[in-house]
């Protein structure tokens, strides 16, 4: 089993703002397994039940890309 080639994932919950926007708050991380399943470790549980799992990007790269809805991302 190769662990070094596994892609690191970031787990977010999406919070709707009163202005109609969205904020993504990082609440965990994950990895893809050899059988294409996911292993996820949550550090918090979203009260809205919504999870968004994305490829991990360092915080400076998220800001440079200007990803929509990531202004409030806590990483």
C-alpha atoms as a PDB file:
ATOM      1  CA  UNK A   1       0.000   0.000   0.000  1.00  0.00           C
ATOM      2  CA  UNK A   2       1.437   3.389  -0.997  1.00  0.00           C
ATOM      3  CA  UNK A   3       0.710   6.201   1.419  1.00  0.00           C
ATOM      4  CA  UNK A   4       2.997   8.848  -0.068  1.00  0.00           C
ATOM      5  CA  UNK A   5       0.976   9.147  -3.299  1.00  0.00           C
ATOM      6  CA  UNK A   6      -2.355   9.722  -1.571  1.00  0.00           C
ATOM      7  CA  UNK A   7      -3.994  13.033  -2.278  1.00  0.00           C
ATOM      8  CA  UNK A   8      -4.712  15.173   0.778  1.00  0.00           C
ATOM      9  CA  UNK A   9      -8.263  16.500   0.955  1.00  0.00           C
ATOM     10  CA  UNK A  10      -9.777  19.319   2.993  1.00  0.00           C
ATOM     11  CA  UNK A  11     -13.244  19.013   4.552  1.00  0.00           C
ATOM     12  CA  UNK A  12     -15.352  22.158   4.865  1.00  0.00           C
ATOM     13  CA  UNK A  13     -18.803  23.037   6.060  1.00  0.00           C
ATOM     14  CA  UNK A  14     -20.596  25.716   4.048  1.00  0.00           C
ATOM     15  CA  UNK A  15     -22.177  28.506   6.079  1.00  0.00           C
ATOM     16  CA  UNK A  16     -24.752  30.781   4.432  1.00  0.00           C
ATOM     17  CA  UNK A  17     -24.344  34.462   5.278  1.00  0.00           C
ATOM     18  CA  UNK A  18     -27.227  36.913   5.845  1.00  0.00           C
ATOM     19  CA  UNK A  19     -26.106  38.739   2.682  1.00  0.00           C
ATOM     20  CA  UNK A  20     -26.728  35.614   0.592  1.00  0.00           C
ATOM     21  CA  UNK A  21     -23.103  34.539   0.279  1.00  0.00           C
ATOM     22  CA  UNK A  22     -21.288  31.472   1.526  1.00  0.00           C
ATOM     23  CA  UNK A  23     -18.313  30.956   3.823  1.00  0.00           C
ATOM     24  CA  UNK A  24     -16.369  27.705   3.887  1.00  0.00           C
ATOM     25  CA  UNK A  25     -15.019  26.730   7.297  1.00  0.00           C
ATOM     26  CA  UNK A  26     -12.434  23.956   7.339  1.00  0.00           C
ATOM     27  CA  UNK A  27     -13.429  21.287   9.860  1.00  0.00           C
ATOM     28  CA  UNK A  28     -11.262  18.323   8.918  1.00  0.00           C
ATOM     29  CA  UNK A  29      -9.127  16.492   6.411  1.00  0.00           C
ATOM     30  CA  UNK A  30      -9.154  13.281   4.438  1.00  0.00           C
ATOM     31  CA  UNK A  31      -7.375  10.972   2.043  1.00  0.00           C
ATOM     32  CA  UNK A  32      -8.399   8.781  -0.868  1.00  0.00           C
ATOM     33  CA  UNK A  33      -7.862   5.085  -0.265  1.00  0.00           C
ATOM     34  CA  UNK A  34      -6.540   2.557  -2.767  1.00  0.00           C
ATOM     35  CA  UNK A  35     -10.091   1.343  -3.446  1.00  0.00           C
ATOM     36  CA  UNK A  36     -11.282   4.933  -4.246  1.00  0.00           C
ATOM     37  CA  UNK A  37     -13.121   5.284  -0.927  1.00  0.00           C
ATOM     38  CA  UNK A  38     -12.379   8.185   1.433  1.00  0.00           C
ATOM     39  CA  UNK A  39     -11.077   8.270   4.980  1.00  0.00           C
ATOM     40  CA  UNK A  40     -12.162  11.497   6.707  1.00  0.00           C
ATOM     41  CA  UNK A  41     -11.106  12.869  10.096  1.00  0.00           C
ATOM     42  CA  UNK A  42     -13.457  15.571  11.413  1.00  0.00           C
ATOM     43  CA  UNK A  43     -12.294  18.064  14.047  1.00  0.00           C
ATOM     44  CA  UNK A  44     -15.789  19.541  14.333  1.00  0.00           C
ATOM     45  CA  UNK A  45     -19.300  18.507  13.340  1.00  0.00           C
ATOM     46  CA  UNK A  46     -21.342  20.853  11.130  1.00  0.00           C
ATOM     47  CA  UNK A  47     -24.685  21.816  12.626  1.00  0.00           C
ATOM     48  CA  UNK A  48     -26.216  22.100   9.150  1.00  0.00           C
ATOM     49  CA  UNK A  49     -25.081  18.586   8.171  1.00  0.00           C
ATOM     50  CA  UNK A  50     -23.397  19.812   4.974  1.00  0.00           C
ATOM     51  CA  UNK A  51     -19.845  18.743   4.132  1.00  0.00           C
ATOM     52  CA  UNK A  52     -17.784  19.795   1.131  1.00  0.00           C
ATOM     53  CA  UNK A  53     -14.665  17.758   0.380  1.00  0.00           C
ATOM     54  CA  UNK A  54     -12.070  19.342  -1.901  1.00  0.00           C
ATOM     55  CA  UNK A  55      -8.472  18.844  -2.888  1.00  0.00           C
ATOM     56  CA  UNK A  56      -6.313  20.521  -0.251  1.00  0.00           C
ATOM     57  CA  UNK A  57      -4.720  23.811  -1.279  1.00  0.00           C
ATOM     58  CA  UNK A  58      -2.392  25.795   0.998  1.00  0.00           C
ATOM     59  CA  UNK A  59      -4.051  29.000   2.344  1.00  0.00           C
ATOM     60  CA  UNK A  60      -1.833  31.329   0.277  1.00  0.00           C
ATOM     61  CA  UNK A  61      -2.801  29.503  -2.930  1.00  0.00           C
ATOM     62  CA  UNK A  62      -6.526  29.726  -2.085  1.00  0.00           C
ATOM     63  CA  UNK A  63      -6.186  33.502  -1.685  1.00  0.00           C
ATOM     64  CA  UNK A  64      -4.172  33.876  -4.918  1.00  0.00           C
ATOM     65  CA  UNK A  65      -6.750  31.914  -6.910  1.00  0.00           C
ATOM     66  CA  UNK A  66      -9.583  33.988  -5.443  1.00  0.00           C
ATOM     67  CA  UNK A  67     -11.766  30.904  -5.102  1.00  0.00           C
ATOM     68  CA  UNK A  68     -15.421  31.934  -4.710  1.00  0.00           C
ATOM     69  CA  UNK A  69     -16.820  31.566  -1.223  1.00  0.00           C
ATOM     70  CA  UNK A  70     -13.408  31.131   0.394  1.00  0.00           C
ATOM     71  CA  UNK A  71     -12.917  34.584   1.883  1.00  0.00           C
ATOM     72  CA  UNK A  72     -13.769  33.176   5.294  1.00  0.00           C
ATOM     73  CA  UNK A  73     -11.986  29.860   4.931  1.00  0.00           C
ATOM     74  CA  UNK A  74     -10.255  28.834   8.135  1.00  0.00           C
ATOM     75  CA  UNK A  75      -7.428  26.469   7.294  1.00  0.00           C
END
